[in-house]
């Protein structure tokens, strides 16, 4: 196991509320890292007819292997209170402007009919030009819907919680349903909601009717902000925000937000807010000061935490080195840069979505 593997495993064990198959996650993270690196290099230098296009009444394709572990999505009921991405007035949805999808980490170019489904999470990843929403249509497994103007962004990427080889070969984007893991396994479908727009939906267990209901609840003609209870107002030099991810599946009991900062060619910083209504008191004793507030630098010197956030932890992972470098390898960012990010962070009450910046 490399030092990077050990670091990832340590973080997972520290933040997980239950047991996690760290071996599987490490394999997946390495594969994901390779895919992201390839994408980064490559990118450097009608809604009314949607259900008909999906063709759920068509044949289900053959199995492509068993499921490895469980999808890390929490099932939630429609009766639970849940955050909703605030509308982005004046911004066209994906149906009108497919070319804008995945270009701004602060904007989602699709929405969900909350009368038919509940938001469980949303994300924008600029490096891969992918936007996604996770939703529940009531009682069943959550459904992940991803969209991109680039077909390869979905074809070349695995589905969270599925085996890495679940999507074998190019996707047809013809609306057919691909079954994974036998008669009780997961389902994947891919289609084109509009010209120049590619979509994929996946569910861990269930039938085509679940996908049908979930996809029918997606609104392609609206846009929203990637709303979150934390906003970064100060970034290190030559650094840009490249992804925003919100997991609201456990809300109102819990919430996780991750914002990713990148400085070319390969430096990455992860800012993460973990909120838990029943989270125990933070026992870390301040050994740093950030913007006049107490902070804690972890022993390995690559994570900085802002203390004093009620029922929450705001951390920045800034120094993950690349594997295979020598003992004097450079870190991604410095502690001073991480402190600058935390000092400028605006944090609202995670339990009150209407107060989010």
Protein backbone atom coordinates (compact mmCIF):
# COMPACT_ATOMS: atom_id res chain seq x y z
CA UNK A 1 0.00 0.00 0.00
CA UNK A 2 1.39 3.39 -1.03
CA UNK A 3 1.49 6.39 1.25
CA UNK A 4 -1.45 7.85 -0.70
CA UNK A 5 -3.43 4.65 -0.11
CA UNK A 6 -2.68 4.81 3.59
CA UNK A 7 -3.76 8.46 3.69
CA UNK A 8 -7.08 7.73 1.96
CA UNK A 9 -7.75 4.75 4.19
CA UNK A 10 -7.01 6.82 7.28
CA UNK A 11 -9.41 9.56 6.21
CA UNK A 12 -12.15 7.06 5.42
CA UNK A 13 -11.82 5.29 8.75
CA UNK A 14 -11.80 8.59 10.63
CA UNK A 15 -14.88 10.08 8.97
CA UNK A 16 -17.03 7.01 8.37
CA UNK A 17 -19.94 6.36 10.74
CA UNK A 18 -19.87 2.62 10.03
CA UNK A 19 -17.62 0.01 8.49
CA UNK A 20 -16.34 0.68 5.01
CA UNK A 21 -14.63 -1.70 2.62
CA UNK A 22 -11.54 0.45 2.35
CA UNK A 23 -9.84 -1.98 -0.03
CA UNK A 24 -12.63 -1.59 -2.55
CA UNK A 25 -12.73 2.16 -2.12
CA UNK A 26 -8.98 2.44 -2.54
CA UNK A 27 -9.11 0.47 -5.78
CA UNK A 28 -11.91 2.68 -6.96
CA UNK A 29 -10.13 5.87 -5.95
CA UNK A 30 -6.98 4.87 -7.82
CA UNK A 31 -9.02 4.09 -10.93
CA UNK A 32 -10.92 7.36 -10.58
CA UNK A 33 -7.68 9.26 -10.15
CA UNK A 34 -6.32 7.79 -13.36
CA UNK A 35 -9.50 8.66 -15.22
CA UNK A 36 -9.51 12.21 -13.88
CA UNK A 37 -5.88 12.69 -14.83
CA UNK A 38 -6.58 11.52 -18.36
CA UNK A 39 -9.59 13.84 -18.63
CA UNK A 40 -7.62 16.77 -17.27
CA UNK A 41 -4.93 16.27 -19.86
CA UNK A 42 -7.46 15.89 -22.63
CA UNK A 43 -9.26 19.10 -21.72
CA UNK A 44 -6.23 21.25 -21.00
CA UNK A 45 -4.47 22.55 -24.46
CA UNK A 46 -37.03 17.59 -26.50
CA UNK A 47 -38.02 17.43 -22.78
CA UNK A 48 -41.60 16.59 -23.62
CA UNK A 49 -40.51 13.56 -25.60
CA UNK A 50 -38.13 12.39 -22.90
CA UNK A 51 -40.04 9.35 -21.70
CA UNK A 52 -40.58 8.23 -25.27
CA UNK A 53 -36.89 8.60 -26.03
CA UNK A 54 -35.97 6.48 -23.02
CA UNK A 55 -37.94 3.52 -24.33
CA UNK A 56 -38.31 1.72 -21.00
CA UNK A 57 -40.72 -0.72 -22.60
CA UNK A 58 -37.89 -2.06 -24.70
CA UNK A 59 -35.68 -5.05 -23.98
CA UNK A 60 -33.35 -5.14 -20.96
CA UNK A 61 -29.82 -6.04 -21.95
CA UNK A 62 -27.79 -8.93 -20.63
CA UNK A 63 -25.96 -9.04 -17.29
CA UNK A 64 -22.49 -7.53 -17.03
CA UNK A 65 -21.34 -8.90 -13.68
CA UNK A 66 -22.14 -8.81 -9.96
CA UNK A 67 -22.29 -5.82 -7.69
CA UNK A 68 -19.33 -5.24 -5.42
CA UNK A 69 -20.54 -3.92 -2.09
CA UNK A 70 -23.34 -1.44 -1.57
CA UNK A 71 -23.94 1.89 -3.26
CA UNK A 72 -23.04 4.64 -0.76
CA UNK A 73 -26.39 6.40 -1.10
CA UNK A 74 -28.87 6.65 1.75
CA UNK A 75 -32.52 6.00 0.99
CA UNK A 76 -34.77 8.84 2.18
CA UNK A 77 -38.54 9.29 2.21
CA UNK A 78 -40.43 12.08 0.53
CA UNK A 79 -41.81 13.26 3.88
CA UNK A 80 -38.39 14.25 5.29
CA UNK A 81 -37.39 17.90 5.00
CA UNK A 82 -34.71 18.37 2.37
CA UNK A 83 -32.64 21.21 0.90
CA UNK A 84 -33.36 22.28 -2.67
CA UNK A 85 -30.85 24.03 -4.95
CA UNK A 86 -32.01 27.65 -5.21
CA UNK A 87 -33.13 28.77 -8.67
CA UNK A 88 -30.54 30.51 -10.83
CA UNK A 89 -32.67 33.23 -12.39
CA UNK A 90 -31.82 34.13 -15.96
CA UNK A 91 -29.66 31.03 -16.50
CA UNK A 92 -30.89 28.68 -19.26
CA UNK A 93 -31.38 25.00 -18.54
CA UNK A 94 -29.52 22.15 -20.23
CA UNK A 95 -32.26 21.71 -22.82
CA UNK A 96 -31.68 25.20 -24.24
CA UNK A 97 -27.91 25.41 -23.74
CA UNK A 98 -26.28 21.97 -23.58
CA UNK A 99 -22.92 23.65 -24.12
CA UNK A 100 -23.09 25.32 -20.70
CA UNK A 101 -23.40 22.05 -18.77
CA UNK A 102 -20.40 21.46 -16.54
CA UNK A 103 -18.78 24.83 -17.21
CA UNK A 104 -19.53 26.57 -13.91
CA UNK A 105 -19.11 24.70 -10.58
CA UNK A 106 -21.66 27.03 -8.99
CA UNK A 107 -24.52 26.27 -11.42
CA UNK A 108 -26.70 23.21 -12.10
CA UNK A 109 -28.36 23.28 -15.50
CA UNK A 110 -31.09 20.83 -14.50
CA UNK A 111 -33.58 20.46 -11.69
CA UNK A 112 -36.02 18.07 -10.05
CA UNK A 113 -39.81 18.28 -9.72
CA UNK A 114 -40.02 18.22 -5.92
CA UNK A 115 -43.67 17.26 -6.11
CA UNK A 116 -42.62 13.93 -7.60
CA UNK A 117 -39.20 13.30 -6.09
CA UNK A 118 -36.84 14.44 -3.34
CA UNK A 119 -33.35 15.80 -3.82
CA UNK A 120 -30.74 13.66 -2.07
CA UNK A 121 -27.74 15.48 -3.49
CA UNK A 122 -26.29 17.36 -6.41
CA UNK A 123 -22.88 18.00 -7.91
CA UNK A 124 -21.00 19.82 -10.66
CA UNK A 125 -17.58 18.66 -11.88
CA UNK A 126 -15.96 21.04 -14.34
CA UNK A 127 -12.94 18.82 -15.06
CA UNK A 128 -15.19 16.14 -16.57
CA UNK A 129 -18.04 18.46 -17.66
CA UNK A 130 -20.56 16.40 -15.68
CA UNK A 131 -23.50 17.60 -13.59
CA UNK A 132 -25.59 15.23 -11.49
CA UNK A 133 -28.55 14.96 -9.15
CA UNK A 134 -29.42 12.14 -6.77
CA UNK A 135 -33.10 11.74 -6.04
CA UNK A 136 -35.63 9.49 -4.38
CA UNK A 137 -39.01 8.79 -5.91
CA UNK A 138 -40.31 7.41 -2.62
CA UNK A 139 -39.57 4.16 -0.84
CA UNK A 140 -37.13 2.71 -3.35
CA UNK A 141 -33.41 2.99 -3.90
CA UNK A 142 -32.01 6.42 -4.78
CA UNK A 143 -31.40 7.15 -8.46
CA UNK A 144 -28.33 8.96 -9.78
CA UNK A 145 -28.86 11.03 -12.94
CA UNK A 146 -25.78 12.43 -14.67
CA UNK A 147 -25.61 14.72 -17.69
CA UNK A 148 -22.82 16.05 -19.90
CA UNK A 149 -22.33 17.63 -23.32
CA UNK A 150 -19.57 15.06 -23.88
CA UNK A 151 -20.60 11.44 -24.39
CA UNK A 152 -17.19 10.17 -23.33
CA UNK A 153 -17.46 11.86 -19.95
CA UNK A 154 -20.18 9.33 -19.11
CA UNK A 155 -18.92 6.40 -21.17
CA UNK A 156 -15.42 6.50 -19.68
CA UNK A 157 -16.54 6.98 -16.07
CA UNK A 158 -17.75 4.27 -13.72
CA UNK A 159 -21.00 4.54 -11.77
CA UNK A 160 -20.65 5.22 -8.05
CA UNK A 161 -21.27 1.99 -6.11
CA UNK A 162 -21.15 -0.25 -9.18
CA UNK A 163 -18.20 -2.49 -10.13
CA UNK A 164 -15.59 -0.63 -12.14
CA UNK A 165 -16.36 -2.79 -15.19
CA UNK A 166 -20.17 -2.38 -14.96
CA UNK A 167 -20.11 -0.08 -17.97
CA UNK A 168 -18.17 -2.07 -20.55
CA UNK A 169 -17.58 -0.29 -23.82
CA UNK A 170 -19.22 2.83 -25.23
CA UNK A 171 -22.75 3.63 -24.10
CA UNK A 172 -25.37 3.55 -26.84
CA UNK A 173 -27.44 6.44 -25.46
CA UNK A 174 -30.48 4.76 -26.97
CA UNK A 175 -32.65 4.50 -23.85
CA UNK A 176 -32.23 0.75 -23.41
CA UNK A 177 -31.82 -0.54 -19.85
CA UNK A 178 -28.66 -2.39 -18.88
CA UNK A 179 -29.04 -4.80 -15.95
CA UNK A 180 -26.09 -5.25 -13.61
CA UNK A 181 -25.76 -8.18 -11.23
CA UNK A 182 -28.61 -10.52 -12.21
CA UNK A 183 -32.34 -10.22 -11.73
CA UNK A 184 -32.05 -8.31 -8.44
CA UNK A 185 -29.07 -6.20 -9.49
CA UNK A 186 -28.74 -2.58 -10.49
CA UNK A 187 -29.97 -0.92 -13.64
CA UNK A 188 -28.29 1.63 -15.91
CA UNK A 189 -29.78 3.51 -18.83
CA UNK A 190 -28.36 6.19 -21.12
CA UNK A 191 -30.05 8.48 -23.60
CA UNK A 192 -30.00 11.92 -25.25
CA UNK A 193 -32.51 14.39 -23.77
CA UNK A 194 -31.60 16.80 -26.60
CA UNK A 195 -29.10 17.17 -29.38
CA UNK A 196 -25.63 17.66 -27.92
CA UNK A 197 -26.71 16.47 -24.47
CA UNK A 198 -26.02 13.03 -23.01
CA UNK A 199 -27.53 11.53 -19.87
CA UNK A 200 -27.14 8.42 -17.73
CA UNK A 201 -29.31 7.16 -14.87
CA UNK A 202 -28.48 4.36 -12.45
CA UNK A 203 -30.15 2.60 -9.52
CA UNK A 204 -28.64 -0.05 -7.28
CA UNK A 205 -31.69 -2.34 -7.11
CA UNK A 206 -35.20 -2.25 -8.51
CA UNK A 207 -36.90 -2.24 -11.89
CA UNK A 208 -37.21 0.01 -14.91
CA UNK A 209 -40.26 1.70 -13.39
CA UNK A 210 -38.04 3.31 -10.74
CA UNK A 211 -35.76 4.77 -13.40
CA UNK A 212 -38.80 5.84 -15.40
CA UNK A 213 -40.27 7.78 -12.46
CA UNK A 214 -36.94 9.34 -11.54
CA UNK A 215 -36.12 10.46 -15.07
CA UNK A 216 -39.63 11.79 -15.49
CA UNK A 217 -39.07 14.00 -12.44
CA UNK A 218 -35.95 15.66 -13.91
CA UNK A 219 -36.45 19.17 -15.26
CA UNK A 220 -34.12 19.99 -18.13
CA UNK A 221 -35.48 23.49 -18.74
CA UNK A 222 -34.42 25.07 -15.45
CA UNK A 223 -31.18 25.92 -13.66
CA UNK A 224 -30.18 26.23 -10.03
CA UNK A 225 -27.21 27.16 -7.90
CA UNK A 226 -25.03 24.49 -6.36
CA UNK A 227 -26.22 25.79 -3.01
CA UNK A 228 -24.34 24.83 0.14
CA UNK A 229 -23.92 26.18 3.69
CA UNK A 230 -20.30 27.07 3.01
CA UNK A 231 -18.89 29.57 0.53
CA UNK A 232 -15.23 30.24 -0.18
CA UNK A 233 -14.48 33.91 -0.64
CA UNK A 234 -10.67 33.77 -0.74
CA UNK A 235 -8.68 31.41 -2.93
CA UNK A 236 -4.91 30.94 -3.32
CA UNK A 237 -3.26 32.55 -6.31
CA UNK A 238 -3.84 30.89 -9.70
CA UNK A 239 -6.45 28.57 -8.15
CA UNK A 240 -9.99 27.92 -9.33
CA UNK A 241 -13.02 26.13 -7.95
CA UNK A 242 -13.61 23.06 -10.13
CA UNK A 243 -16.31 21.08 -8.34
CA UNK A 244 -19.16 21.44 -5.88
CA UNK A 245 -20.81 18.42 -4.28
CA UNK A 246 -23.65 18.32 -1.73
CA UNK A 247 -24.88 15.13 -0.06
CA UNK A 248 -28.22 15.82 1.63
CA UNK A 249 -29.39 12.21 1.81
CA UNK A 250 -29.29 12.19 5.63
CA UNK A 251 -30.79 15.66 6.09
CA UNK A 252 -31.92 17.01 8.56
CA UNK A 253 -29.68 14.76 10.68
CA UNK A 254 -26.60 15.18 8.53
CA UNK A 255 -25.09 16.92 5.53
CA UNK A 256 -21.78 16.74 3.66
CA UNK A 257 -20.38 19.38 1.31
CA UNK A 258 -17.15 19.18 -0.65
CA UNK A 259 -15.60 21.97 -2.72
CA UNK A 260 -12.54 21.17 -4.83
CA UNK A 261 -9.89 23.71 -5.74
CA UNK A 262 -7.32 23.11 -8.47
CA UNK A 263 -4.12 24.85 -9.50
CA UNK A 264 -2.63 23.64 -12.73
CA UNK A 265 -0.97 21.40 -13.54
CA UNK A 266 -1.77 18.99 -10.72
CA UNK A 267 -2.32 20.65 -7.34
CA UNK A 268 -5.65 19.92 -5.64
CA UNK A 269 -7.24 21.12 -2.40
CA UNK A 270 -10.39 19.64 -0.87
CA UNK A 271 -12.56 21.76 1.42
CA UNK A 272 -15.13 19.67 3.27
CA UNK A 273 -17.96 20.51 5.66
CA UNK A 274 -19.46 17.61 7.60
CA UNK A 275 -22.54 18.46 9.66
CA UNK A 276 -24.32 16.17 12.10
CA UNK A 277 -27.21 17.23 14.30
CA UNK A 278 -26.02 14.69 16.89
CA UNK A 279 -22.30 15.10 16.28
CA UNK A 280 -20.27 14.91 19.47
CA UNK A 281 -18.13 17.75 20.72
CA UNK A 282 -14.88 18.27 18.86
CA UNK A 283 -12.03 17.32 21.20
CA UNK A 284 -9.21 18.84 19.16
CA UNK A 285 -7.26 21.53 20.97
CA UNK A 286 -6.26 24.53 18.92
CA UNK A 287 -2.66 24.59 17.75
CA UNK A 288 -3.10 27.21 15.04
CA UNK A 289 -5.01 30.45 14.47
CA UNK A 290 -6.88 31.21 11.25
CA UNK A 291 -8.27 34.68 10.72
CA UNK A 292 -8.33 35.24 14.48
CA UNK A 293 -10.20 31.96 15.07
CA UNK A 294 -8.84 28.74 16.59
CA UNK A 295 -7.80 26.00 14.20
CA UNK A 296 -6.17 22.58 14.36
CA UNK A 297 -3.40 21.23 12.14
CA UNK A 298 -3.49 17.44 12.05
CA UNK A 299 -0.30 15.53 12.93
CA UNK A 300 0.50 14.58 9.34
CA UNK A 301 0.60 18.26 8.41
CA UNK A 302 -1.74 17.94 5.41
CA UNK A 303 -5.13 18.80 6.94
CA UNK A 304 -6.27 21.98 8.65
CA UNK A 305 -9.57 22.30 10.55
CA UNK A 306 -11.43 25.42 11.61
CA UNK A 307 -12.70 24.90 15.16
CA UNK A 308 -15.81 26.25 16.85
CA UNK A 309 -18.44 25.28 14.26
CA UNK A 310 -21.51 23.95 16.10
CA UNK A 311 -22.31 20.34 15.15
CA UNK A 312 -19.92 20.52 12.25
CA UNK A 313 -16.36 20.17 11.03
CA UNK A 314 -14.83 22.31 8.31
CA UNK A 315 -11.54 20.92 7.04
CA UNK A 316 -9.12 21.52 4.21
CA UNK A 317 -6.94 18.71 2.86
CA UNK A 318 -4.12 20.51 1.11
CA UNK A 319 -0.96 18.43 1.10
CA UNK A 320 -1.62 15.05 -0.47
CA UNK A 321 1.60 14.21 -2.33
CA UNK A 322 1.78 12.24 -5.55
CA UNK A 323 2.83 8.60 -5.00
CA UNK A 324 6.28 7.57 -6.12
CA UNK A 325 8.00 10.87 -5.39
CA UNK A 326 11.05 11.10 -3.17
CA UNK A 327 11.14 12.10 0.51
CA UNK A 328 11.42 15.77 -0.44
CA UNK A 329 8.40 15.67 -2.75
CA UNK A 330 6.39 18.92 -2.81
CA UNK A 331 2.91 19.10 -1.35
CA UNK A 332 -0.06 20.27 -3.39
CA UNK A 333 -0.64 23.46 -1.43
CA UNK A 334 0.93 25.02 1.66
CA UNK A 335 -0.51 25.38 5.14
CA UNK A 336 -0.58 29.16 4.67
CA UNK A 337 -2.74 28.74 1.57
CA UNK A 338 -5.09 26.38 3.40
CA UNK A 339 -5.37 28.91 6.23
CA UNK A 340 -6.23 31.61 3.70
CA UNK A 341 -9.09 29.50 2.36
CA UNK A 342 -10.49 28.79 5.83
CA UNK A 343 -10.13 32.40 6.93
CA UNK A 344 -12.33 33.49 4.04
CA UNK A 345 -14.91 30.74 4.40
CA UNK A 346 -18.48 31.86 5.09
CA UNK A 347 -20.46 29.19 6.96
CA UNK A 348 -24.23 29.34 7.41
CA UNK A 349 -26.41 27.14 9.62
CA UNK A 350 -26.44 23.77 7.81
CA UNK A 351 -29.84 22.95 9.32
CA UNK A 352 -31.44 26.04 7.70
CA UNK A 353 -31.04 25.84 3.91
CA UNK A 354 -32.74 29.22 3.37
CA UNK A 355 -29.76 30.89 5.07
CA UNK A 356 -27.16 29.32 2.81
CA UNK A 357 -25.05 31.81 0.83
